[in-house]
Amino acid sequence: MDDTWLSRQLLEMESLSAIYCEEGDLRVDEEALEALGAAAKDVEASLSRLPALSLSVRVFTDDAVAAGSVRLAAVLPHGYPTTAAPMVWLEPEVEAGGVSGQKRLRFSKVHQ
């Protein structure tokens, strides 16, 4: 089982949890995280049945156009970060200055 990506995702989540430790700053799909953690301990686990991990991080801005906070949301597909790119988008938390909707960002290169 090539689970390099899985162990790297779990390490990344551990790092994000340490960085974004204030209540509500980091939101994670806890069921998916538990399933990934269990699979990392089970060498016979079928990785194809695991859910993709989704998360969001609150980012504060003092930009005059978008004062308040937004969420950087992401889905980490199987293979991320070694062979697959994340799906990432911004979600405004506060409607300010006419800001609404979502802006999707695409990553075309996977960094190893």
PDB file of N, CA and C in Angstrom:
ATOM      1  N   MET A   1       0.854  -1.176   0.000  1.00  0.00           N
ATOM      2  CA  MET A   1       0.000   0.000   0.000  1.00  0.00           C
ATOM      3  C   MET A   1       0.896   1.234   0.000  1.00  0.00           C
ATOM      4  N   ASP A   2       0.738   2.087  -1.017  1.00  0.00           N
ATOM      5  CA  ASP A   2       1.493   3.331  -1.059  1.00  0.00           C
ATOM      6  C   ASP A   2       0.670   4.408  -0.363  1.00  0.00           C
ATOM      7  N   ASP A   3       0.971   4.607   0.901  1.00  0.00           N
ATOM      8  CA  ASP A   3       0.199   5.563   1.700  1.00  0.00           C
ATOM      9  C   ASP A   3       1.011   6.808   2.053  1.00  0.00           C
ATOM     10  N   THR A   4       2.032   7.102   1.254  1.00  0.00           N
ATOM     11  CA  THR A   4       2.844   8.285   1.515  1.00  0.00           C
ATOM     12  C   THR A   4       1.976   9.529   1.587  1.00  0.00           C
ATOM     13  N   TRP A   5       1.054   9.668   0.637  1.00  0.00           N
ATOM     14  CA  TRP A   5       0.168  10.834   0.621  1.00  0.00           C
ATOM     15  C   TRP A   5      -0.686  10.885   1.880  1.00  0.00           C
ATOM     16  N   LEU A   6      -1.108   9.717   2.359  1.00  0.00           N
ATOM     17  CA  LEU A   6      -1.978   9.662   3.536  1.00  0.00           C
ATOM     18  C   LEU A   6      -1.241  10.154   4.778  1.00  0.00           C
ATOM     19  N   SER A   7      -0.051   9.678   4.991  1.00  0.00           N
ATOM     20  CA  SER A   7       0.706  10.114   6.165  1.00  0.00           C
ATOM     21  C   SER A   7       1.041  11.607   6.068  1.00  0.00           C
ATOM     22  N   ARG A   8       1.292  12.100   4.853  1.00  0.00           N
ATOM     23  CA  ARG A   8       1.573  13.526   4.690  1.00  0.00           C
ATOM     24  C   ARG A   8       0.334  14.374   4.952  1.00  0.00           C
ATOM     25  N   GLN A   9      -0.856  13.897   4.533  1.00  0.00           N
ATOM     26  CA  GLN A   9      -2.097  14.636   4.824  1.00  0.00           C
ATOM     27  C   GLN A   9      -2.320  14.722   6.322  1.00  0.00           C
ATOM     28  N   LEU A  10      -2.123  13.615   7.023  1.00  0.00           N
ATOM     29  CA  LEU A  10      -2.347  13.604   8.468  1.00  0.00           C
ATOM     30  C   LEU A  10      -1.358  14.517   9.194  1.00  0.00           C
ATOM     31  N   LEU A  11      -0.121  14.540   8.746  1.00  0.00           N
ATOM     32  CA  LEU A  11       0.876  15.432   9.328  1.00  0.00           C
ATOM     33  C   LEU A  11       0.507  16.890   9.059  1.00  0.00           C
ATOM     34  N   GLU A  12       0.007  17.165   7.862  1.00  0.00           N
ATOM     35  CA  GLU A  12      -0.414  18.521   7.522  1.00  0.00           C
ATOM     36  C   GLU A  12      -1.581  18.964   8.416  1.00  0.00           C
ATOM     37  N   MET A  13      -2.532  18.058   8.657  1.00  0.00           N
ATOM     38  CA  MET A  13      -3.670  18.400   9.521  1.00  0.00           C
ATOM     39  C   MET A  13      -3.218  18.654  10.951  1.00  0.00           C
ATOM     40  N   GLU A  14      -2.257  17.876  11.418  1.00  0.00           N
ATOM     41  CA  GLU A  14      -1.707  18.090  12.755  1.00  0.00           C
ATOM     42  C   GLU A  14      -1.057  19.472  12.841  1.00  0.00           C
ATOM     43  N   SER A  15      -0.331  19.847  11.800  1.00  0.00           N
ATOM     44  CA  SER A  15       0.313  21.166  11.764  1.00  0.00           C
ATOM     45  C   SER A  15      -0.713  22.290  11.737  1.00  0.00           C
ATOM     46  N   LEU A  16      -1.744  22.152  10.889  1.00  0.00           N
ATOM     47  CA  LEU A  16      -2.794  23.177  10.820  1.00  0.00           C
ATOM     48  C   LEU A  16      -3.515  23.316  12.155  1.00  0.00           C
ATOM     49  N   SER A  17      -3.749  22.205  12.849  1.00  0.00           N
ATOM     50  CA  SER A  17      -4.406  22.247  14.154  1.00  0.00           C
ATOM     51  C   SER A  17      -3.569  23.019  15.164  1.00  0.00           C
ATOM     52  N   ALA A  18      -2.251  22.890  15.082  1.00  0.00           N
ATOM     53  CA  ALA A  18      -1.371  23.626  15.987  1.00  0.00           C
ATOM     54  C   ALA A  18      -1.339  25.113  15.642  1.00  0.00           C
ATOM     55  N   ILE A  19      -1.385  25.428  14.356  1.00  0.00           N
ATOM     56  CA  ILE A  19      -1.327  26.821  13.914  1.00  0.00           C
ATOM     57  C   ILE A  19      -2.647  27.538  14.179  1.00  0.00           C
ATOM     58  N   TYR A  20      -3.767  26.916  13.808  1.00  0.00           N
ATOM     59  CA  TYR A  20      -5.091  27.514  13.946  1.00  0.00           C
ATOM     60  C   TYR A  20      -5.789  26.909  15.155  1.00  0.00           C
ATOM     61  N   CYS A  21      -5.311  27.280  16.347  1.00  0.00           N
ATOM     62  CA  CYS A  21      -5.784  26.643  17.574  1.00  0.00           C
ATOM     63  C   CYS A  21      -6.950  27.372  18.232  1.00  0.00           C
ATOM     64  N   GLU A  22      -7.314  28.554  17.739  1.00  0.00           N
ATOM     65  CA  GLU A  22      -8.452  29.273  18.306  1.00  0.00           C
ATOM     66  C   GLU A  22      -9.758  28.605  17.875  1.00  0.00           C
ATOM     67  N   GLU A  23     -10.735  28.603  18.742  1.00  0.00           N
ATOM     68  CA  GLU A  23     -12.037  27.987  18.465  1.00  0.00           C
ATOM     69  C   GLU A  23     -12.642  28.532  17.177  1.00  0.00           C
ATOM     70  N   GLY A  24     -12.978  27.660  16.264  1.00  0.00           N
ATOM     71  CA  GLY A  24     -13.639  28.036  15.027  1.00  0.00           C
ATOM     72  C   GLY A  24     -12.720  28.438  13.886  1.00  0.00           C
ATOM     73  N   ASP A  25     -11.421  28.597  14.162  1.00  0.00           N
ATOM     74  CA  ASP A  25     -10.504  28.999  13.090  1.00  0.00           C
ATOM     75  C   ASP A  25     -10.276  27.888  12.070  1.00  0.00           C
ATOM     76  N   LEU A  26     -10.238  26.644  12.533  1.00  0.00           N
ATOM     77  CA  LEU A  26     -10.035  25.505  11.648  1.00  0.00           C
ATOM     78  C   LEU A  26     -11.240  24.582  11.763  1.00  0.00           C
ATOM     79  N   ARG A  27     -11.850  24.277  10.633  1.00  0.00           N
ATOM     80  CA  ARG A  27     -12.960  23.323  10.588  1.00  0.00           C
ATOM     81  C   ARG A  27     -12.521  22.153   9.725  1.00  0.00           C
ATOM     82  N   VAL A  28     -12.705  20.946  10.260  1.00  0.00           N
ATOM     83  CA  VAL A  28     -12.269  19.734   9.565  1.00  0.00           C
ATOM     84  C   VAL A  28     -13.408  18.733   9.563  1.00  0.00           C
ATOM     85  N   ASP A  29     -13.526  17.984   8.483  1.00  0.00           N
ATOM     86  CA  ASP A  29     -14.473  16.876   8.421  1.00  0.00           C
ATOM     87  C   ASP A  29     -13.933  15.793   9.351  1.00  0.00           C
ATOM     88  N   GLU A  30     -14.424  15.768  10.588  1.00  0.00           N
ATOM     89  CA  GLU A  30     -13.896  14.880  11.622  1.00  0.00           C
ATOM     90  C   GLU A  30     -14.060  13.397  11.269  1.00  0.00           C
ATOM     91  N   GLU A  31     -15.170  13.031  10.645  1.00  0.00           N
ATOM     92  CA  GLU A  31     -15.376  11.634  10.265  1.00  0.00           C
ATOM     93  C   GLU A  31     -14.335  11.189   9.247  1.00  0.00           C
ATOM     94  N   ALA A  32     -14.070  12.035   8.264  1.00  0.00           N
ATOM     95  CA  ALA A  32     -13.054  11.715   7.261  1.00  0.00           C
ATOM     96  C   ALA A  32     -11.674  11.641   7.901  1.00  0.00           C
ATOM     97  N   LEU A  33     -11.384  12.557   8.811  1.00  0.00           N
ATOM     98  CA  LEU A  33     -10.082  12.565   9.486  1.00  0.00           C
ATOM     99  C   LEU A  33      -9.885  11.288  10.302  1.00  0.00           C
ATOM    100  N   GLU A  34     -10.930  10.859  11.010  1.00  0.00           N
ATOM    101  CA  GLU A  34     -10.851   9.614  11.781  1.00  0.00           C
ATOM    102  C   GLU A  34     -10.645   8.417  10.869  1.00  0.00           C
ATOM    103  N   ALA A  35     -11.348   8.364   9.745  1.00  0.00           N
ATOM    104  CA  ALA A  35     -11.203   7.258   8.801  1.00  0.00           C
ATOM    105  C   ALA A  35      -9.793   7.210   8.222  1.00  0.00           C
ATOM    106  N   LEU A  36      -9.239   8.382   7.894  1.00  0.00           N
ATOM    107  CA  LEU A  36      -7.884   8.440   7.365  1.00  0.00           C
ATOM    108  C   LEU A  36      -6.867   8.007   8.421  1.00  0.00           C
ATOM    109  N   GLY A  37      -7.073   8.438   9.655  1.00  0.00           N
ATOM    110  CA  GLY A  37      -6.172   8.046  10.741  1.00  0.00           C
ATOM    111  C   GLY A  37      -6.193   6.553  10.987  1.00  0.00           C
ATOM    112  N   ALA A  38      -7.385   5.962  10.952  1.00  0.00           N
ATOM    113  CA  ALA A  38      -7.501   4.512  11.139  1.00  0.00           C
ATOM    114  C   ALA A  38      -6.842   3.758   9.993  1.00  0.00           C
ATOM    115  N   ALA A  39      -7.016   4.243   8.773  1.00  0.00           N
ATOM    116  CA  ALA A  39      -6.421   3.586   7.609  1.00  0.00           C
ATOM    117  C   ALA A  39      -4.902   3.655   7.656  1.00  0.00           C
ATOM    118  N   ALA A  40      -4.366   4.743   8.187  1.00  0.00           N
ATOM    119  CA  ALA A  40      -2.912   4.888   8.272  1.00  0.00           C
ATOM    120  C   ALA A  40      -2.310   3.840   9.202  1.00  0.00           C
ATOM    121  N   LYS A  41      -3.095   3.355  10.166  1.00  0.00           N
ATOM    122  CA  LYS A  41      -2.618   2.341  11.114  1.00  0.00           C
ATOM    123  C   LYS A  41      -2.867   0.923  10.617  1.00  0.00           C
ATOM    124  N   ASP A  42      -3.684   0.764   9.595  1.00  0.00           N
ATOM    125  CA  ASP A  42      -4.081  -0.552   9.100  1.00  0.00           C
ATOM    126  C   ASP A  42      -3.479  -0.786   7.713  1.00  0.00           C
ATOM    127  N   VAL A  43      -2.426  -1.594   7.637  1.00  0.00           N
ATOM    128  CA  VAL A  43      -1.739  -1.811   6.355  1.00  0.00           C
ATOM    129  C   VAL A  43      -2.605  -2.528   5.330  1.00  0.00           C
ATOM    130  N   GLU A  44      -3.682  -3.162   5.754  1.00  0.00           N
ATOM    131  CA  GLU A  44      -4.574  -3.868   4.836  1.00  0.00           C
ATOM    132  C   GLU A  44      -5.750  -3.002   4.380  1.00  0.00           C
ATOM    133  N   ALA A  45      -5.804  -1.766   4.839  1.00  0.00           N
ATOM    134  CA  ALA A  45      -6.940  -0.894   4.519  1.00  0.00           C
ATOM    135  C   ALA A  45      -7.016  -0.620   3.020  1.00  0.00           C
ATOM    136  N   SER A  46      -8.245  -0.526   2.537  1.00  0.00           N
ATOM    137  CA  SER A  46      -8.465  -0.163   1.142  1.00  0.00           C
ATOM    138  C   SER A  46      -8.567   1.352   1.049  1.00  0.00           C
ATOM    139  N   LEU A  47      -7.543   1.969   0.497  1.00  0.00           N
ATOM    140  CA  LEU A  47      -7.513   3.427   0.427  1.00  0.00           C
ATOM    141  C   LEU A  47      -8.569   3.981  -0.521  1.00  0.00           C
ATOM    142  N   SER A  48      -8.994   3.192  -1.492  1.00  0.00           N
ATOM    143  CA  SER A  48      -9.977   3.679  -2.461  1.00  0.00           C
ATOM    144  C   SER A  48     -11.333   3.950  -1.828  1.00  0.00           C
ATOM    145  N   ARG A  49     -11.606   3.370  -0.687  1.00  0.00           N
ATOM    146  CA  ARG A  49     -12.901   3.570  -0.017  1.00  0.00           C
ATOM    147  C   ARG A  49     -12.892   4.732   0.964  1.00  0.00           C
ATOM    148  N   LEU A  50     -11.761   5.339   1.156  1.00  0.00           N
ATOM    149  CA  LEU A  50     -11.664   6.439   2.108  1.00  0.00           C
ATOM    150  C   LEU A  50     -12.272   7.706   1.535  1.00  0.00           C
ATOM    151  N   PRO A  51     -12.892   8.527   2.384  1.00  0.00           N
ATOM    152  CA  PRO A  51     -13.417   9.816   1.901  1.00  0.00           C
ATOM    153  C   PRO A  51     -12.271  10.798   1.699  1.00  0.00           C
ATOM    154  N   ALA A  52     -12.493  11.769   0.848  1.00  0.00           N
ATOM    155  CA  ALA A  52     -11.532  12.864   0.697  1.00  0.00           C
ATOM    156  C   ALA A  52     -11.686  13.776   1.911  1.00  0.00           C
ATOM    157  N   LEU A  53     -10.607  14.340   2.368  1.00  0.00           N
ATOM    158  CA  LEU A  53     -10.627  15.200   3.537  1.00  0.00           C
ATOM    159  C   LEU A  53     -10.983  16.624   3.134  1.00  0.00           C
ATOM    160  N   SER A  54     -11.950  17.216   3.818  1.00  0.00           N
ATOM    161  CA  SER A  54     -12.314  18.610   3.556  1.00  0.00           C
ATOM    162  C   SER A  54     -12.060  19.430   4.817  1.00  0.00           C
ATOM    163  N   LEU A  55     -11.682  20.679   4.615  1.00  0.00           N
ATOM    164  CA  LEU A  55     -11.355  21.549   5.733  1.00  0.00           C
ATOM    165  C   LEU A  55     -11.522  22.996   5.312  1.00  0.00           C
ATOM    166  N   SER A  56     -11.546  23.880   6.298  1.00  0.00           N
ATOM    167  CA  SER A  56     -11.526  25.313   6.015  1.00  0.00           C
ATOM    168  C   SER A  56     -10.799  26.022   7.137  1.00  0.00           C
ATOM    169  N   VAL A  57     -10.160  27.128   6.781  1.00  0.00           N
ATOM    170  CA  VAL A  57      -9.402  27.940   7.723  1.00  0.00           C
ATOM    171  C   VAL A  57      -9.920  29.363   7.635  1.00  0.00           C
ATOM    172  N   ARG A  58     -10.165  29.983   8.793  1.00  0.00           N
ATOM    173  CA  ARG A  58     -10.616  31.373   8.817  1.00  0.00           C
ATOM    174  C   ARG A  58      -9.414  32.295   8.630  1.00  0.00           C
ATOM    175  N   VAL A  59      -9.550  33.218   7.711  1.00  0.00           N
ATOM    176  CA  VAL A  59      -8.493  34.184   7.418  1.00  0.00           C
ATOM    177  C   VAL A  59      -9.071  35.569   7.627  1.00  0.00           C
ATOM    178  N   PHE A  60      -8.418  36.378   8.436  1.00  0.00           N
ATOM    179  CA  PHE A  60      -8.895  37.735   8.701  1.00  0.00           C
ATOM    180  C   PHE A  60      -8.201  38.713   7.771  1.00  0.00           C
ATOM    181  N   THR A  61      -8.947  39.741   7.383  1.00  0.00           N
ATOM    182  CA  THR A  61      -8.388  40.749   6.488  1.00  0.00           C
ATOM    183  C   THR A  61      -8.798  42.131   6.965  1.00  0.00           C
ATOM    184  N   ASP A  62      -7.931  43.085   6.739  1.00  0.00           N
ATOM    185  CA  ASP A  62      -8.297  44.468   7.046  1.00  0.00           C
ATOM    186  C   ASP A  62      -8.372  45.285   5.767  1.00  0.00           C
ATOM    187  N   ASP A  63      -8.488  44.591   4.658  1.00  0.00           N
ATOM    188  CA  ASP A  63      -8.652  45.227   3.349  1.00  0.00           C
ATOM    189  C   ASP A  63      -9.935  46.056   3.374  1.00  0.00           C
ATOM    190  N   ALA A  64      -9.868  47.278   2.904  1.00  0.00           N
ATOM    191  CA  ALA A  64     -11.031  48.173   2.934  1.00  0.00           C
ATOM    192  C   ALA A  64     -12.194  47.620   2.117  1.00  0.00           C
ATOM    193  N   VAL A  65     -11.907  46.828   1.090  1.00  0.00           N
ATOM    194  CA  VAL A  65     -12.966  46.287   0.250  1.00  0.00           C
ATOM    195  C   VAL A  65     -13.636  45.081   0.898  1.00  0.00           C
ATOM    196  N   ALA A  66     -12.867  44.266   1.601  1.00  0.00           N
ATOM    197  CA  ALA A  66     -13.417  43.028   2.151  1.00  0.00           C
ATOM    198  C   ALA A  66     -13.078  42.888   3.627  1.00  0.00           C
ATOM    199  N   ALA A  67     -13.388  43.924   4.401  1.00  0.00           N
ATOM    200  CA  ALA A  67     -13.094  43.868   5.825  1.00  0.00           C
ATOM    201  C   ALA A  67     -13.876  42.743   6.482  1.00  0.00           C
ATOM    202  N   GLY A  68     -13.266  42.079   7.416  1.00  0.00           N
ATOM    203  CA  GLY A  68     -13.908  40.980   8.124  1.00  0.00           C
ATOM    204  C   GLY A  68     -13.085  39.719   7.978  1.00  0.00           C
ATOM    205  N   SER A  69     -13.752  38.619   7.707  1.00  0.00           N
ATOM    206  CA  SER A  69     -13.014  37.374   7.555  1.00  0.00           C
ATOM    207  C   SER A  69     -13.595  36.555   6.412  1.00  0.00           C
ATOM    208  N   VAL A  70     -12.776  35.726   5.875  1.00  0.00           N
ATOM    209  CA  VAL A  70     -13.177  34.776   4.839  1.00  0.00           C
ATOM    210  C   VAL A  70     -12.652  33.409   5.253  1.00  0.00           C
ATOM    211  N   ARG A  71     -13.174  32.383   4.620  1.00  0.00           N
ATOM    212  CA  ARG A  71     -12.678  31.035   4.864  1.00  0.00           C
ATOM    213  C   ARG A  71     -11.997  30.538   3.621  1.00  0.00           C
ATOM    214  N   LEU A  72     -10.816  30.004   3.811  1.00  0.00           N
ATOM    215  CA  LEU A  72     -10.112  29.304   2.755  1.00  0.00           C
ATOM    216  C   LEU A  72     -10.514  27.840   2.920  1.00  0.00           C
ATOM    217  N   ALA A  73     -11.337  27.356   1.998  1.00  0.00           N
ATOM    218  CA  ALA A  73     -11.843  25.990   2.081  1.00  0.00           C
ATOM    219  C   ALA A  73     -11.084  25.110   1.093  1.00  0.00           C
ATOM    220  N   ALA A  74     -10.934  23.844   1.446  1.00  0.00           N
ATOM    221  CA  ALA A  74     -10.185  22.934   0.586  1.00  0.00           C
ATOM    222  C   ALA A  74     -10.702  21.516   0.722  1.00  0.00           C
ATOM    223  N   VAL A  75     -10.552  20.775  -0.358  1.00  0.00           N
ATOM    224  CA  VAL A  75     -10.758  19.329  -0.351  1.00  0.00           C
ATOM    225  C   VAL A  75      -9.431  18.729  -0.786  1.00  0.00           C
ATOM    226  N   LEU A  76      -8.935  17.799   0.027  1.00  0.00           N
ATOM    227  CA  LEU A  76      -7.668  17.147  -0.268  1.00  0.00           C
ATOM    228  C   LEU A  76      -7.979  15.759  -0.831  1.00  0.00           C
ATOM    229  N   PRO A  77      -7.857  15.579  -2.144  1.00  0.00           N
ATOM    230  CA  PRO A  77      -8.202  14.298  -2.758  1.00  0.00           C
ATOM    231  C   PRO A  77      -7.156  13.226  -2.450  1.00  0.00           C
ATOM    232  N   HIS A  78      -7.510  11.987  -2.694  1.00  0.00           N
ATOM    233  CA  HIS A  78      -6.542  10.911  -2.542  1.00  0.00           C
ATOM    234  C   HIS A  78      -5.325  11.248  -3.390  1.00  0.00           C
ATOM    235  N   GLY A  79      -4.167  11.057  -2.865  1.00  0.00           N
ATOM    236  CA  GLY A  79      -2.950  11.363  -3.580  1.00  0.00           C
ATOM    237  C   GLY A  79      -2.330  12.698  -3.206  1.00  0.00           C
ATOM    238  N   TYR A  80      -3.132  13.626  -2.667  1.00  0.00           N
ATOM    239  CA  TYR A  80      -2.574  14.904  -2.243  1.00  0.00           C
ATOM    240  C   TYR A  80      -1.679  14.659  -1.029  1.00  0.00           C
ATOM    241  N   PRO A  81      -0.505  15.187  -0.923  1.00  0.00           N
ATOM    242  CA  PRO A  81       0.145  16.187  -1.758  1.00  0.00           C
ATOM    243  C   PRO A  81       1.146  15.609  -2.764  1.00  0.00           C
ATOM    244  N   THR A  82       1.257  14.296  -2.865  1.00  0.00           N
ATOM    245  CA  THR A  82       2.298  13.726  -3.733  1.00  0.00           C
ATOM    246  C   THR A  82       1.899  13.643  -5.199  1.00  0.00           C
ATOM    247  N   THR A  83       0.632  13.284  -5.489  1.00  0.00           N
ATOM    248  CA  THR A  83       0.249  13.092  -6.892  1.00  0.00           C
ATOM    249  C   THR A  83      -1.028  13.805  -7.309  1.00  0.00           C
ATOM    250  N   ALA A  84      -1.679  14.508  -6.403  1.00  0.00           N
ATOM    251  CA  ALA A  84      -2.932  15.199  -6.741  1.00  0.00           C
ATOM    252  C   ALA A  84      -2.938  16.598  -6.138  1.00  0.00           C
ATOM    253  N   ALA A  85      -3.570  17.513  -6.846  1.00  0.00           N
ATOM    254  CA  ALA A  85      -3.670  18.898  -6.381  1.00  0.00           C
ATOM    255  C   ALA A  85      -4.946  19.085  -5.556  1.00  0.00           C
ATOM    256  N   PRO A  86      -4.918  19.996  -4.565  1.00  0.00           N
ATOM    257  CA  PRO A  86      -6.125  20.253  -3.779  1.00  0.00           C
ATOM    258  C   PRO A  86      -7.129  21.083  -4.566  1.00  0.00           C
ATOM    259  N   MET A  87      -8.386  21.001  -4.177  1.00  0.00           N
ATOM    260  CA  MET A  87      -9.418  21.897  -4.691  1.00  0.00           C
ATOM    261  C   MET A  87      -9.603  22.958  -3.605  1.00  0.00           C
ATOM    262  N   VAL A  88      -9.404  24.231  -3.946  1.00  0.00           N
ATOM    263  CA  VAL A  88      -9.387  25.303  -2.958  1.00  0.00           C
ATOM    264  C   VAL A  88     -10.280  26.443  -3.428  1.00  0.00           C
ATOM    265  N   TRP A  89     -11.019  27.058  -2.490  1.00  0.00           N
ATOM    266  CA  TRP A  89     -11.848  28.212  -2.820  1.00  0.00           C
ATOM    267  C   TRP A  89     -12.014  29.089  -1.588  1.00  0.00           C
ATOM    268  N   LEU A  90     -12.421  30.326  -1.813  1.00  0.00           N
ATOM    269  CA  LEU A  90     -12.673  31.276  -0.738  1.00  0.00           C
ATOM    270  C   LEU A  90     -14.168  31.393  -0.491  1.00  0.00           C
ATOM    271  N   GLU A  91     -14.555  31.443   0.773  1.00  0.00           N
ATOM    272  CA  GLU A  91     -15.953  31.633   1.166  1.00  0.00           C
ATOM    273  C   GLU A  91     -16.027  32.826   2.097  1.00  0.00           C
ATOM    274  N   PRO A  92     -16.685  33.908   1.697  1.00  0.00           N
ATOM    275  CA  PRO A  92     -16.792  35.059   2.604  1.00  0.00           C
ATOM    276  C   PRO A  92     -17.648  34.705   3.816  1.00  0.00           C
ATOM    277  N   GLU A  93     -17.197  35.106   4.997  1.00  0.00           N
ATOM    278  CA  GLU A  93     -17.971  34.901   6.219  1.00  0.00           C
ATOM    279  C   GLU A  93     -18.798  36.125   6.548  1.00  0.00           C
ATOM    280  N   VAL A  94     -18.324  37.287   6.113  1.00  0.00           N
ATOM    281  CA  VAL A  94     -19.009  38.543   6.416  1.00  0.00           C
ATOM    282  C   VAL A  94     -19.266  39.257   5.100  1.00  0.00           C
ATOM    283  N   GLU A  95     -20.502  39.606   4.854  1.00  0.00           N
ATOM    284  CA  GLU A  95     -20.833  40.384   3.661  1.00  0.00           C
ATOM    285  C   GLU A  95     -20.441  41.827   3.943  1.00  0.00           C
ATOM    286  N   ALA A  96     -19.426  42.311   3.255  1.00  0.00           N
ATOM    287  CA  ALA A  96     -18.966  43.682   3.476  1.00  0.00           C
ATOM    288  C   ALA A  96     -18.576  44.295   2.144  1.00  0.00           C
ATOM    289  N   GLY A  97     -18.980  45.506   1.920  1.00  0.00           N
ATOM    290  CA  GLY A  97     -18.598  46.207   0.706  1.00  0.00           C
ATOM    291  C   GLY A  97     -19.062  45.519  -0.562  1.00  0.00           C
ATOM    292  N   GLY A  98     -20.197  44.805  -0.473  1.00  0.00           N
ATOM    293  CA  GLY A  98     -20.732  44.158  -1.658  1.00  0.00           C
ATOM    294  C   GLY A  98     -20.045  42.854  -2.025  1.00  0.00           C
ATOM    295  N   VAL A  99     -19.195  42.332  -1.156  1.00  0.00           N
ATOM    296  CA  VAL A  99     -18.517  41.075  -1.450  1.00  0.00           C
ATOM    297  C   VAL A  99     -19.491  39.929  -1.211  1.00  0.00           C
ATOM    298  N   SER A 100     -19.637  39.076  -2.193  1.00  0.00           N
ATOM    299  CA  SER A 100     -20.495  37.907  -2.011  1.00  0.00           C
ATOM    300  C   SER A 100     -20.021  36.809  -2.944  1.00  0.00           C
ATOM    301  N   GLY A 101     -20.548  35.619  -2.727  1.00  0.00           N
ATOM    302  CA  GLY A 101     -20.204  34.490  -3.591  1.00  0.00           C
ATOM    303  C   GLY A 101     -18.894  33.847  -3.207  1.00  0.00           C
ATOM    304  N   GLN A 102     -18.432  32.952  -4.081  1.00  0.00           N
ATOM    305  CA  GLN A 102     -17.201  32.221  -3.835  1.00  0.00           C
ATOM    306  C   GLN A 102     -16.238  32.450  -4.976  1.00  0.00           C
ATOM    307  N   LYS A 103     -14.983  32.408  -4.664  1.00  0.00           N
ATOM    308  CA  LYS A 103     -13.955  32.495  -5.692  1.00  0.00           C
ATOM    309  C   LYS A 103     -13.145  31.215  -5.624  1.00  0.00           C
ATOM    310  N   ARG A 104     -13.137  30.479  -6.711  1.00  0.00           N
ATOM    311  CA  ARG A 104     -12.402  29.214  -6.733  1.00  0.00           C
ATOM    312  C   ARG A 104     -11.001  29.435  -7.267  1.00  0.00           C
ATOM    313  N   LEU A 105     -10.054  28.781  -6.624  1.00  0.00           N
ATOM    314  CA  LEU A 105      -8.671  28.841  -7.044  1.00  0.00           C
ATOM    315  C   LEU A 105      -8.266  27.457  -7.546  1.00  0.00           C
ATOM    316  N   ARG A 106      -7.526  27.409  -8.617  1.00  0.00           N
ATOM    317  CA  ARG A 106      -7.071  26.135  -9.156  1.00  0.00           C
ATOM    318  C   ARG A 106      -5.561  26.032  -9.010  1.00  0.00           C
ATOM    319  N   PHE A 107      -5.115  24.871  -8.608  1.00  0.00           N
ATOM    320  CA  PHE A 107      -3.692  24.590  -8.521  1.00  0.00           C
ATOM    321  C   PHE A 107      -3.389  23.550  -9.595  1.00  0.00           C
ATOM    322  N   SER A 108      -2.517  23.912 -10.521  1.00  0.00           N
ATOM    323  CA  SER A 108      -2.222  22.998 -11.614  1.00  0.00           C
ATOM    324  C   SER A 108      -0.962  22.190 -11.373  1.00  0.00           C
ATOM    325  N   LYS A 109      -0.158  22.604 -10.413  1.00  0.00           N
ATOM    326  CA  LYS A 109       1.091  21.905 -10.164  1.00  0.00           C
ATOM    327  C   LYS A 109       1.070  21.314  -8.760  1.00  0.00           C
ATOM    328  N   VAL A 110       1.479  20.074  -8.654  1.00  0.00           N
ATOM    329  CA  VAL A 110       1.576  19.419  -7.361  1.00  0.00           C
ATOM    330  C   VAL A 110       2.996  19.600  -6.858  1.00  0.00           C
ATOM    331  N   HIS A 111       3.141  20.105  -5.653  1.00  0.00           N
ATOM    332  CA  HIS A 111       4.466  20.312  -5.062  1.00  0.00           C
ATOM    333  C   HIS A 111       4.824  19.103  -4.238  1.00  0.00           C
ATOM    334  N   GLN A 112       5.977  18.542  -4.525  1.00  0.00           N
ATOM    335  CA  GLN A 112       6.412  17.354  -3.781  1.00  0.00           C
ATOM    336  C   GLN A 112       7.521  17.678  -2.814  1.00  0.00           C
TER     337      GLN A 112
END
